[in-house]
PDB file of N, CA and C in Angstrom:
ATOM      1  N   MET A   1     -35.528  78.398 108.787  1.00  0.00           N
ATOM      2  CA  MET A   1     -36.565  79.275 109.296  1.00  0.00           C
ATOM      3  C   MET A   1     -36.018  80.037 110.494  1.00  0.00           C
ATOM      4  N   SER A   2     -36.517  81.240 110.651  1.00  0.00           N
ATOM      5  CA  SER A   2     -36.119  82.101 111.761  1.00  0.00           C
ATOM      6  C   SER A   2     -37.363  82.681 112.411  1.00  0.00           C
ATOM      7  N   SER A   3     -37.181  83.231 113.581  1.00  0.00           N
ATOM      8  CA  SER A   3     -38.287  83.889 114.286  1.00  0.00           C
ATOM      9  C   SER A   3     -38.103  85.394 114.169  1.00  0.00           C
ATOM     10  N   PHE A   4     -39.227  86.076 113.971  1.00  0.00           N
ATOM     11  CA  PHE A   4     -39.220  87.523 113.819  1.00  0.00           C
ATOM     12  C   PHE A   4     -40.306  88.137 114.691  1.00  0.00           C
ATOM     13  N   ALA A   5     -39.999  89.314 115.224  1.00  0.00           N
ATOM     14  CA  ALA A   5     -40.953  90.051 116.046  1.00  0.00           C
ATOM     15  C   ALA A   5     -41.336  91.330 115.308  1.00  0.00           C
ATOM     16  N   LYS A   6     -42.627  91.584 115.233  1.00  0.00           N
ATOM     17  CA  LYS A   6     -43.118  92.820 114.620  1.00  0.00           C
ATOM     18  C   LYS A   6     -43.242  93.860 115.729  1.00  0.00           C
ATOM     19  N   ILE A   7     -42.636  95.017 115.511  1.00  0.00           N
ATOM     20  CA  ILE A   7     -42.683  96.073 116.526  1.00  0.00           C
ATOM     21  C   ILE A   7     -43.486  97.261 116.005  1.00  0.00           C
ATOM     22  N   ASP A   8     -44.188  97.924 116.934  1.00  0.00           N
ATOM     23  CA  ASP A   8     -44.979  99.093 116.556  1.00  0.00           C
ATOM     24  C   ASP A   8     -44.131 100.361 116.681  1.00  0.00           C
ATOM     25  N   LYS A   9     -44.752 101.525 116.529  1.00  0.00           N
ATOM     26  CA  LYS A   9     -44.013 102.798 116.556  1.00  0.00           C
ATOM     27  C   LYS A   9     -43.371 103.077 117.911  1.00  0.00           C
ATOM     28  N   ASN A  10     -43.832 102.395 118.966  1.00  0.00           N
ATOM     29  CA  ASN A  10     -43.252 102.557 120.302  1.00  0.00           C
ATOM     30  C   ASN A  10     -42.280 101.431 120.658  1.00  0.00           C
ATOM     31  N   ASN A  11     -41.914 100.628 119.647  1.00  0.00           N
ATOM     32  CA  ASN A  11     -41.003  99.493 119.813  1.00  0.00           C
ATOM     33  C   ASN A  11     -41.562  98.383 120.698  1.00  0.00           C
ATOM     34  N   ILE A  12     -42.880  98.273 120.741  1.00  0.00           N
ATOM     35  CA  ILE A  12     -43.545  97.202 121.475  1.00  0.00           C
ATOM     36  C   ILE A  12     -43.840  96.067 120.490  1.00  0.00           C
ATOM     37  N   VAL A  13     -43.539  94.841 120.902  1.00  0.00           N
ATOM     38  CA  VAL A  13     -43.784  93.676 120.050  1.00  0.00           C
ATOM     39  C   VAL A  13     -45.284  93.409 119.990  1.00  0.00           C
ATOM     40  N   THR A  14     -45.796  93.323 118.767  1.00  0.00           N
ATOM     41  CA  THR A  14     -47.221  93.072 118.560  1.00  0.00           C
ATOM     42  C   THR A  14     -47.498  91.690 117.984  1.00  0.00           C
ATOM     43  N   GLN A  15     -46.448  91.054 117.449  1.00  0.00           N
ATOM     44  CA  GLN A  15     -46.625  89.745 116.825  1.00  0.00           C
ATOM     45  C   GLN A  15     -45.267  89.073 116.710  1.00  0.00           C
ATOM     46  N   VAL A  16     -45.248  87.752 116.825  1.00  0.00           N
ATOM     47  CA  VAL A  16     -44.026  86.969 116.615  1.00  0.00           C
ATOM     48  C   VAL A  16     -44.390  85.826 115.674  1.00  0.00           C
ATOM     49  N   LEU A  17     -43.543  85.606 114.675  1.00  0.00           N
ATOM     50  CA  LEU A  17     -43.803  84.503 113.763  1.00  0.00           C
ATOM     51  C   LEU A  17     -42.512  83.857 113.303  1.00  0.00           C
ATOM     52  N   VAL A  18     -42.642  82.638 112.804  1.00  0.00           N
ATOM     53  CA  VAL A  18     -41.528  81.890 112.236  1.00  0.00           C
ATOM     54  C   VAL A  18     -41.671  81.972 110.724  1.00  0.00           C
ATOM     55  N   ALA A  19     -40.606  82.435 110.073  1.00  0.00           N
ATOM     56  CA  ALA A  19     -40.673  82.621 108.625  1.00  0.00           C
ATOM     57  C   ALA A  19     -39.267  82.706 108.047  1.00  0.00           C
ATOM     58  N   GLU A  20     -39.207  82.614 106.741  1.00  0.00           N
ATOM     59  CA  GLU A  20     -37.950  82.859 106.031  1.00  0.00           C
ATOM     60  C   GLU A  20     -37.775  84.366 105.889  1.00  0.00           C
ATOM     61  N   LYS A  21     -36.535  84.810 105.877  1.00  0.00           N
ATOM     62  CA  LYS A  21     -36.240  86.244 105.723  1.00  0.00           C
ATOM     63  C   LYS A  21     -36.827  86.785 104.420  1.00  0.00           C
ATOM     64  N   ASN A  22     -36.821  85.969 103.366  1.00  0.00           N
ATOM     65  CA  ASN A  22     -37.385  86.400 102.078  1.00  0.00           C
ATOM     66  C   ASN A  22     -38.872  86.732 102.203  1.00  0.00           C
ATOM     67  N   PHE A  23     -39.584  85.955 103.022  1.00  0.00           N
ATOM     68  CA  PHE A  23     -41.008  86.217 103.245  1.00  0.00           C
ATOM     69  C   PHE A  23     -41.199  87.552 103.962  1.00  0.00           C
ATOM     70  N   ILE A  24     -40.397  87.800 104.991  1.00  0.00           N
ATOM     71  CA  ILE A  24     -40.464  89.083 105.716  1.00  0.00           C
ATOM     72  C   ILE A  24     -40.174  90.230 104.758  1.00  0.00           C
ATOM     73  N   ASN A  25     -39.161  90.069 103.919  1.00  0.00           N
ATOM     74  CA  ASN A  25     -38.760  91.115 102.973  1.00  0.00           C
ATOM     75  C   ASN A  25     -39.758  91.316 101.839  1.00  0.00           C
ATOM     76  N   SER A  26     -40.668  90.360 101.642  1.00  0.00           N
ATOM     77  CA  SER A  26     -41.615  90.430 100.525  1.00  0.00           C
ATOM     78  C   SER A  26     -42.667  91.523 100.697  1.00  0.00           C
ATOM     79  N   GLY A  27     -42.892  91.967 101.915  1.00  0.00           N
ATOM     80  CA  GLY A  27     -43.926  92.965 102.156  1.00  0.00           C
ATOM     81  C   GLY A  27     -45.294  92.375 102.423  1.00  0.00           C
ATOM     82  N   LEU A  28     -45.427  91.057 102.362  1.00  0.00           N
ATOM     83  CA  LEU A  28     -46.721  90.419 102.598  1.00  0.00           C
ATOM     84  C   LEU A  28     -47.197  90.562 104.038  1.00  0.00           C
ATOM     85  N   VAL A  29     -46.284  90.823 104.958  1.00  0.00           N
ATOM     86  CA  VAL A  29     -46.645  90.991 106.370  1.00  0.00           C
ATOM     87  C   VAL A  29     -46.336  92.414 106.844  1.00  0.00           C
ATOM     88  N   GLY A  30     -46.333  93.351 105.913  1.00  0.00           N
ATOM     89  CA  GLY A  30     -46.053  94.749 106.252  1.00  0.00           C
ATOM     90  C   GLY A  30     -44.613  95.099 105.922  1.00  0.00           C
ATOM     91  N   ASP A  31     -44.274  96.323 106.236  1.00  0.00           N
ATOM     92  CA  ASP A  31     -42.928  96.813 105.931  1.00  0.00           C
ATOM     93  C   ASP A  31     -41.877  95.987 106.651  1.00  0.00           C
ATOM     94  N   GLU A  32     -40.847  95.595 105.917  1.00  0.00           N
ATOM     95  CA  GLU A  32     -39.814  94.726 106.494  1.00  0.00           C
ATOM     96  C   GLU A  32     -39.080  95.386 107.649  1.00  0.00           C
ATOM     97  N   PHE A  33     -39.008  96.728 107.677  1.00  0.00           N
ATOM     98  CA  PHE A  33     -38.288  97.412 108.763  1.00  0.00           C
ATOM     99  C   PHE A  33     -39.018  97.304 110.103  1.00  0.00           C
ATOM    100  N   LEU A  34     -40.286  96.850 110.083  1.00  0.00           N
ATOM    101  CA  LEU A  34     -41.039  96.660 111.328  1.00  0.00           C
ATOM    102  C   LEU A  34     -40.717  95.324 111.996  1.00  0.00           C
ATOM    103  N   TRP A  35     -39.981  94.462 111.314  1.00  0.00           N
ATOM    104  CA  TRP A  35     -39.693  93.110 111.816  1.00  0.00           C
ATOM    105  C   TRP A  35     -38.247  93.023 112.272  1.00  0.00           C
ATOM    106  N   VAL A  36     -38.045  92.473 113.470  1.00  0.00           N
ATOM    107  CA  VAL A  36     -36.714  92.299 114.045  1.00  0.00           C
ATOM    108  C   VAL A  36     -36.550  90.822 114.367  1.00  0.00           C
ATOM    109  N   GLN A  37     -35.444  90.251 113.925  1.00  0.00           N
ATOM    110  CA  GLN A  37     -35.220  88.826 114.190  1.00  0.00           C
ATOM    111  C   GLN A  37     -34.989  88.602 115.684  1.00  0.00           C
ATOM    112  N   THR A  38     -35.524  87.494 116.179  1.00  0.00           N
ATOM    113  CA  THR A  38     -35.372  87.110 117.579  1.00  0.00           C
ATOM    114  C   THR A  38     -34.866  85.677 117.634  1.00  0.00           C
ATOM    115  N   SER A  39     -34.308  85.295 118.757  1.00  0.00           N
ATOM    116  CA  SER A  39     -33.702  83.970 118.898  1.00  0.00           C
ATOM    117  C   SER A  39     -34.365  83.213 120.034  1.00  0.00           C
ATOM    118  N   TYR A  40     -34.944  82.052 119.726  1.00  0.00           N
ATOM    119  CA  TYR A  40     -35.644  81.272 120.760  1.00  0.00           C
ATOM    120  C   TYR A  40     -34.693  80.759 121.836  1.00  0.00           C
ATOM    121  N   ASN A  41     -33.403  80.616 121.514  1.00  0.00           N
ATOM    122  CA  ASN A  41     -32.443  80.183 122.530  1.00  0.00           C
ATOM    123  C   ASN A  41     -31.587  81.340 123.040  1.00  0.00           C
ATOM    124  N   SER A  42     -32.044  82.555 122.766  1.00  0.00           N
ATOM    125  CA  SER A  42     -31.414  83.792 123.263  1.00  0.00           C
ATOM    126  C   SER A  42     -29.944  83.924 122.863  1.00  0.00           C
ATOM    127  N   ASN A  43     -29.597  83.456 121.666  1.00  0.00           N
ATOM    128  CA  ASN A  43     -28.229  83.623 121.166  1.00  0.00           C
ATOM    129  C   ASN A  43     -27.911  85.074 120.858  1.00  0.00           C
ATOM    130  N   PHE A  44     -28.929  85.847 120.594  1.00  0.00           N
ATOM    131  CA  PHE A  44     -28.749  87.278 120.359  1.00  0.00           C
ATOM    132  C   PHE A  44     -30.011  88.010 120.799  1.00  0.00           C
ATOM    133  N   ARG A  45     -29.876  89.302 121.024  1.00  0.00           N
ATOM    134  CA  ARG A  45     -30.960  90.179 121.496  1.00  0.00           C
ATOM    135  C   ARG A  45     -31.502  89.749 122.859  1.00  0.00           C
ATOM    136  N   LYS A  46     -30.654  89.117 123.652  1.00  0.00           N
ATOM    137  CA  LYS A  46     -30.865  88.777 125.067  1.00  0.00           C
ATOM    138  C   LYS A  46     -32.004  87.805 125.341  1.00  0.00           C
ATOM    139  N   ASN A  47     -33.208  88.095 124.864  1.00  0.00           N
ATOM    140  CA  ASN A  47     -34.390  87.294 125.192  1.00  0.00           C
ATOM    141  C   ASN A  47     -35.213  87.042 123.937  1.00  0.00           C
ATOM    142  N   PHE A  48     -35.893  85.897 123.923  1.00  0.00           N
ATOM    143  CA  PHE A  48     -36.832  85.632 122.837  1.00  0.00           C
ATOM    144  C   PHE A  48     -37.989  86.617 122.971  1.00  0.00           C
ATOM    145  N   ALA A  49     -38.345  87.252 121.896  1.00  0.00           N
ATOM    146  CA  ALA A  49     -39.413  88.254 121.923  1.00  0.00           C
ATOM    147  C   ALA A  49     -40.766  87.617 122.191  1.00  0.00           C
ATOM    148  N   GLY A  50     -41.605  88.345 122.891  1.00  0.00           N
ATOM    149  CA  GLY A  50     -42.981  87.948 123.125  1.00  0.00           C
ATOM    150  C   GLY A  50     -43.873  89.157 122.938  1.00  0.00           C
ATOM    151  N   VAL A  51     -45.128  88.925 122.659  1.00  0.00           N
ATOM    152  CA  VAL A  51     -46.074  90.032 122.517  1.00  0.00           C
ATOM    153  C   VAL A  51     -46.064  90.837 123.820  1.00  0.00           C
ATOM    154  N   GLY A  52     -45.917  92.140 123.692  1.00  0.00           N
ATOM    155  CA  GLY A  52     -45.873  93.014 124.853  1.00  0.00           C
ATOM    156  C   GLY A  52     -44.454  93.368 125.278  1.00  0.00           C
ATOM    157  N   TYR A  53     -43.464  92.644 124.776  1.00  0.00           N
ATOM    158  CA  TYR A  53     -42.071  92.978 125.067  1.00  0.00           C
ATOM    159  C   TYR A  53     -41.705  94.284 124.373  1.00  0.00           C
ATOM    160  N   THR A  54     -40.631  94.908 124.814  1.00  0.00           N
ATOM    161  CA  THR A  54     -40.107  96.115 124.188  1.00  0.00           C
ATOM    162  C   THR A  54     -38.800  95.775 123.491  1.00  0.00           C
ATOM    163  N   TYR A  55     -38.643  96.279 122.283  1.00  0.00           N
ATOM    164  CA  TYR A  55     -37.351  96.145 121.617  1.00  0.00           C
ATOM    165  C   TYR A  55     -36.561  97.409 121.897  1.00  0.00           C
ATOM    166  N   ASP A  56     -35.449  97.267 122.608  1.00  0.00           N
ATOM    167  CA  ASP A  56     -34.577  98.386 122.938  1.00  0.00           C
ATOM    168  C   ASP A  56     -33.457  98.429 121.905  1.00  0.00           C
ATOM    169  N   LYS A  57     -33.498  99.440 121.040  1.00  0.00           N
ATOM    170  CA  LYS A  57     -32.524  99.543 119.958  1.00  0.00           C
ATOM    171  C   LYS A  57     -31.117  99.810 120.480  1.00  0.00           C
ATOM    172  N   VAL A  58     -31.011 100.565 121.545  1.00  0.00           N
ATOM    173  CA  VAL A  58     -29.687 100.880 122.097  1.00  0.00           C
ATOM    174  C   VAL A  58     -29.022  99.613 122.632  1.00  0.00           C
ATOM    175  N   ARG A  59     -29.763  98.823 123.378  1.00  0.00           N
ATOM    176  CA  ARG A  59     -29.232  97.569 123.935  1.00  0.00           C
ATOM    177  C   ARG A  59     -29.281  96.425 122.924  1.00  0.00           C
ATOM    178  N   ASP A  60     -30.003  96.628 121.828  1.00  0.00           N
ATOM    179  CA  ASP A  60     -30.275  95.591 120.837  1.00  0.00           C
ATOM    180  C   ASP A  60     -30.804  94.343 121.543  1.00  0.00           C
ATOM    181  N   ALA A  61     -31.868  94.571 122.324  1.00  0.00           N
ATOM    182  CA  ALA A  61     -32.413  93.496 123.164  1.00  0.00           C
ATOM    183  C   ALA A  61     -33.920  93.610 123.275  1.00  0.00           C
ATOM    184  N   PHE A  62     -34.547  92.435 123.456  1.00  0.00           N
ATOM    185  CA  PHE A  62     -35.967  92.391 123.779  1.00  0.00           C
ATOM    186  C   PHE A  62     -36.099  92.327 125.299  1.00  0.00           C
ATOM    187  N   ILE A  63     -36.930  93.192 125.842  1.00  0.00           N
ATOM    188  CA  ILE A  63     -37.107  93.288 127.294  1.00  0.00           C
ATOM    189  C   ILE A  63     -38.562  92.971 127.624  1.00  0.00           C
ATOM    190  N   PRO A  64     -38.780  92.010 128.538  1.00  0.00           N
ATOM    191  CA  PRO A  64     -40.165  91.673 128.906  1.00  0.00           C
ATOM    192  C   PRO A  64     -40.829  92.825 129.657  1.00  0.00           C
ATOM    193  N   PRO A  65     -42.152  92.812 129.734  1.00  0.00           N
ATOM    194  CA  PRO A  65     -42.844  93.852 130.511  1.00  0.00           C
ATOM    195  C   PRO A  65     -42.386  93.814 131.973  1.00  0.00           C
ATOM    196  N   LYS A  66     -42.298  94.976 132.574  1.00  0.00           N
ATOM    197  CA  LYS A  66     -41.873  95.074 133.971  1.00  0.00           C
ATOM    198  C   LYS A  66     -42.979  94.517 134.861  1.00  0.00           C
ATOM    199  N   PRO A  67     -42.668  93.496 135.685  1.00  0.00           N
ATOM    200  CA  PRO A  67     -43.719  92.866 136.479  1.00  0.00           C
ATOM    201  C   PRO A  67     -44.184  93.699 137.671  1.00  0.00           C
ATOM    202  N   PHE A  68     -43.271  94.454 138.262  1.00  0.00           N
ATOM    203  CA  PHE A  68     -43.597  95.286 139.431  1.00  0.00           C
ATOM    204  C   PHE A  68     -42.763  96.560 139.380  1.00  0.00           C
ATOM    205  N   ASN A  69     -43.300  97.643 139.922  1.00  0.00           N
ATOM    206  CA  ASN A  69     -42.586  98.917 139.899  1.00  0.00           C
ATOM    207  C   ASN A  69     -41.245  98.882 140.609  1.00  0.00           C
ATOM    208  N   SER A  70     -41.133  98.069 141.641  1.00  0.00           N
ATOM    209  CA  SER A  70     -39.900  98.044 142.441  1.00  0.00           C
ATOM    210  C   SER A  70     -38.771  97.239 141.787  1.00  0.00           C
ATOM    211  N   TRP A  71     -39.062  96.444 140.789  1.00  0.00           N
ATOM    212  CA  TRP A  71     -38.042  95.595 140.179  1.00  0.00           C
ATOM    213  C   TRP A  71     -37.144  96.431 139.266  1.00  0.00           C
ATOM    214  N   VAL A  72     -35.896  96.002 139.136  1.00  0.00           N
ATOM    215  CA  VAL A  72     -34.913  96.745 138.340  1.00  0.00           C
ATOM    216  C   VAL A  72     -34.386  95.865 137.203  1.00  0.00           C
ATOM    217  N   LEU A  73     -33.989  96.518 136.148  1.00  0.00           N
ATOM    218  CA  LEU A  73     -33.511  95.800 134.973  1.00  0.00           C
ATOM    219  C   LEU A  73     -32.060  95.375 135.154  1.00  0.00           C
ATOM    220  N   ASP A  74     -31.807  94.096 134.954  1.00  0.00           N
ATOM    221  CA  ASP A  74     -30.443  93.568 134.947  1.00  0.00           C
ATOM    222  C   ASP A  74     -29.894  93.843 133.545  1.00  0.00           C
ATOM    223  N   GLU A  75     -28.911  94.726 133.461  1.00  0.00           N
ATOM    224  CA  GLU A  75     -28.373  95.138 132.160  1.00  0.00           C
ATOM    225  C   GLU A  75     -27.724  93.980 131.401  1.00  0.00           C
ATOM    226  N   ALA A  76     -27.176  93.018 132.106  1.00  0.00           N
ATOM    227  CA  ALA A  76     -26.504  91.891 131.450  1.00  0.00           C
ATOM    228  C   ALA A  76     -27.489  90.950 130.765  1.00  0.00           C
ATOM    229  N   THR A  77     -28.641  90.729 131.391  1.00  0.00           N
ATOM    230  CA  THR A  77     -29.613  89.773 130.850  1.00  0.00           C
ATOM    231  C   THR A  77     -30.849  90.444 130.253  1.00  0.00           C
ATOM    232  N   CYS A  78     -31.063  91.710 130.570  1.00  0.00           N
ATOM    233  CA  CYS A  78     -32.278  92.442 130.190  1.00  0.00           C
ATOM    234  C   CYS A  78     -33.524  91.741 130.731  1.00  0.00           C
ATOM    235  N   GLN A  79     -33.397  91.203 131.939  1.00  0.00           N
ATOM    236  CA  GLN A  79     -34.512  90.623 132.690  1.00  0.00           C
ATOM    237  C   GLN A  79     -34.736  91.475 133.936  1.00  0.00           C
ATOM    238  N   TRP A  80     -35.974  91.539 134.388  1.00  0.00           N
ATOM    239  CA  TRP A  80     -36.309  92.297 135.596  1.00  0.00           C
ATOM    240  C   TRP A  80     -35.969  91.471 136.831  1.00  0.00           C
ATOM    241  N   GLN A  81     -35.360  92.116 137.802  1.00  0.00           N
ATOM    242  CA  GLN A  81     -34.951  91.449 139.029  1.00  0.00           C
ATOM    243  C   GLN A  81     -35.600  92.128 140.238  1.00  0.00           C
ATOM    244  N   PRO A  82     -36.029  91.337 141.219  1.00  0.00           N
ATOM    245  CA  PRO A  82     -36.609  91.926 142.432  1.00  0.00           C
ATOM    246  C   PRO A  82     -35.513  92.579 143.274  1.00  0.00           C
ATOM    247  N   PRO A  83     -35.884  93.577 144.073  1.00  0.00           N
ATOM    248  CA  PRO A  83     -34.883  94.218 144.933  1.00  0.00           C
ATOM    249  C   PRO A  83     -34.428  93.314 146.073  1.00  0.00           C
ATOM    250  N   VAL A  84     -35.164  92.232 146.321  1.00  0.00           N
ATOM    251  CA  VAL A  84     -34.826  91.249 147.352  1.00  0.00           C
ATOM    252  C   VAL A  84     -34.807  89.884 146.676  1.00  0.00           C
ATOM    253  N   SER A  85     -33.738  89.124 146.877  1.00  0.00           N
ATOM    254  CA  SER A  85     -33.610  87.807 146.258  1.00  0.00           C
ATOM    255  C   SER A  85     -34.680  86.841 146.746  1.00  0.00           C
ATOM    256  N   TYR A  86     -35.020  85.904 145.879  1.00  0.00           N
ATOM    257  CA  TYR A  86     -35.965  84.847 146.235  1.00  0.00           C
ATOM    258  C   TYR A  86     -35.381  84.056 147.404  1.00  0.00           C
ATOM    259  N   PRO A  87     -36.181  83.693 148.398  1.00  0.00           N
ATOM    260  CA  PRO A  87     -35.663  82.992 149.581  1.00  0.00           C
ATOM    261  C   PRO A  87     -34.967  81.672 149.239  1.00  0.00           C
ATOM    262  N   ASP A  88     -33.761  81.492 149.750  1.00  0.00           N
ATOM    263  CA  ASP A  88     -33.001  80.266 149.509  1.00  0.00           C
ATOM    264  C   ASP A  88     -33.704  79.028 150.062  1.00  0.00           C
ATOM    265  N   GLN A  89     -34.321  79.178 151.218  1.00  0.00           N
ATOM    266  CA  GLN A  89     -34.949  78.024 151.863  1.00  0.00           C
ATOM    267  C   GLN A  89     -36.192  77.541 151.122  1.00  0.00           C
ATOM    268  N   ALA A  90     -36.680  78.287 150.168  1.00  0.00           N
ATOM    269  CA  ALA A  90     -37.871  77.878 149.431  1.00  0.00           C
ATOM    270  C   ALA A  90     -37.656  76.534 148.747  1.00  0.00           C
ATOM    271  N   ILE A  91     -36.551  76.381 148.075  1.00  0.00           N
ATOM    272  CA  ILE A  91     -36.270  75.139 147.357  1.00  0.00           C
ATOM    273  C   ILE A  91     -35.981  74.008 148.343  1.00  0.00           C
ATOM    274  N   GLU A  92     -35.213  74.324 149.361  1.00  0.00           N
ATOM    275  CA  GLU A  92     -34.842  73.307 150.349  1.00  0.00           C
ATOM    276  C   GLU A  92     -36.059  72.764 151.103  1.00  0.00           C
ATOM    277  N   ASN A  93     -37.005  73.618 151.400  1.00  0.00           N
ATOM    278  CA  ASN A  93     -38.168  73.243 152.216  1.00  0.00           C
ATOM    279  C   ASN A  93     -39.450  73.074 151.413  1.00  0.00           C
ATOM    280  N   TRP A  94     -39.359  73.067 150.105  1.00  0.00           N
ATOM    281  CA  TRP A  94     -40.509  72.911 149.227  1.00  0.00           C
ATOM    282  C   TRP A  94     -41.587  73.956 149.501  1.00  0.00           C
ATOM    283  N   LYS A  95     -41.145  75.166 149.801  1.00  0.00           N
ATOM    284  CA  LYS A  95     -42.101  76.252 150.041  1.00  0.00           C
ATOM    285  C   LYS A  95     -42.204  77.101 148.787  1.00  0.00           C
ATOM    286  N   ARG A  96     -43.360  77.731 148.654  1.00  0.00           N
ATOM    287  CA  ARG A  96     -43.593  78.605 147.512  1.00  0.00           C
ATOM    288  C   ARG A  96     -43.793  80.020 148.021  1.00  0.00           C
ATOM    289  N   TYR A  97     -43.184  80.960 147.318  1.00  0.00           N
ATOM    290  CA  TYR A  97     -43.302  82.365 147.682  1.00  0.00           C
ATOM    291  C   TYR A  97     -43.791  83.152 146.482  1.00  0.00           C
ATOM    292  N   GLU A  98     -44.463  84.253 146.758  1.00  0.00           N
ATOM    293  CA  GLU A  98     -44.832  85.179 145.692  1.00  0.00           C
ATOM    294  C   GLU A  98     -44.448  86.579 146.124  1.00  0.00           C
ATOM    295  N   TRP A  99     -44.281  87.429 145.137  1.00  0.00           N
ATOM    296  CA  TRP A  99     -43.837  88.789 145.393  1.00  0.00           C
ATOM    297  C   TRP A  99     -44.996  89.642 145.907  1.00  0.00           C
ATOM    298  N   ASN A 100     -44.745  90.409 146.968  1.00  0.00           N
ATOM    299  CA  ASN A 100     -45.721  91.347 147.514  1.00  0.00           C
ATOM    300  C   ASN A 100     -45.180  92.749 147.279  1.00  0.00           C
ATOM    301  N   GLU A 101     -45.763  93.441 146.353  1.00  0.00           N
ATOM    302  CA  GLU A 101     -45.268  94.775 145.990  1.00  0.00           C
ATOM    303  C   GLU A 101     -45.466  95.783 147.116  1.00  0.00           C
ATOM    304  N   ALA A 102     -46.508  95.617 147.912  1.00  0.00           N
ATOM    305  CA  ALA A 102     -46.775  96.565 149.011  1.00  0.00           C
ATOM    306  C   ALA A 102     -45.652  96.543 150.059  1.00  0.00           C
ATOM    307  N   THR A 103     -45.103  95.350 150.302  1.00  0.00           N
ATOM    308  CA  THR A 103     -44.030  95.238 151.296  1.00  0.00           C
ATOM    309  C   THR A 103     -42.667  95.127 150.627  1.00  0.00           C
ATOM    310  N   THR A 104     -42.656  95.074 149.315  1.00  0.00           N
ATOM    311  CA  THR A 104     -41.451  94.828 148.505  1.00  0.00           C
ATOM    312  C   THR A 104     -40.615  93.687 149.090  1.00  0.00           C
ATOM    313  N   ASN A 105     -41.309  92.550 149.257  1.00  0.00           N
ATOM    314  CA  ASN A 105     -40.646  91.371 149.784  1.00  0.00           C
ATOM    315  C   ASN A 105     -41.409  90.121 149.353  1.00  0.00           C
ATOM    316  N   TRP A 106     -40.770  88.961 149.531  1.00  0.00           N
ATOM    317  CA  TRP A 106     -41.396  87.690 149.234  1.00  0.00           C
ATOM    318  C   TRP A 106     -42.245  87.229 150.400  1.00  0.00           C
ATOM    319  N   VAL A 107     -43.417  86.679 150.097  1.00  0.00           N
ATOM    320  CA  VAL A 107     -44.351  86.208 151.119  1.00  0.00           C
ATOM    321  C   VAL A 107     -44.638  84.733 150.827  1.00  0.00           C
ATOM    322  N   GLU A 108     -44.571  83.921 151.867  1.00  0.00           N
ATOM    323  CA  GLU A 108     -44.839  82.502 151.698  1.00  0.00           C
ATOM    324  C   GLU A 108     -46.312  82.282 151.368  1.00  0.00           C
ATOM    325  N   VAL A 109     -46.542  81.405 150.413  1.00  0.00           N
ATOM    326  CA  VAL A 109     -47.901  81.051 150.009  1.00  0.00           C
ATOM    327  C   VAL A 109     -48.247  79.760 150.724  1.00  0.00           C
ATOM    328  N   GLU A 110     -49.339  79.793 151.476  1.00  0.00           N
ATOM    329  CA  GLU A 110     -49.769  78.612 152.246  1.00  0.00           C
ATOM    330  C   GLU A 110     -50.456  77.602 151.358  1.00  0.00           C
TER     331      GLU A 110
END
């Protein structure tokens, strides 16, 4: 069994299912060209597809929705990265931070 993502005309994932390739090719779930295989362990196409992800044909990758306008795409992983790294002391001091888009920085959560 494999996982497949159904993409719409804008290359947005609308559905993900586990099926045999023969089932996808049968037409029972729509045109087979609308389905792109995805890998749950990210062996190919960078990321496991999820509803709302974009399939980028040029990169041959699934890209998650952009969480904030200031974040940039890491071309190697096709994951969104903040312009400022997560605070190192967070793990050491058991602190939790969340992203503040207005200040484009991490803010400690009390």
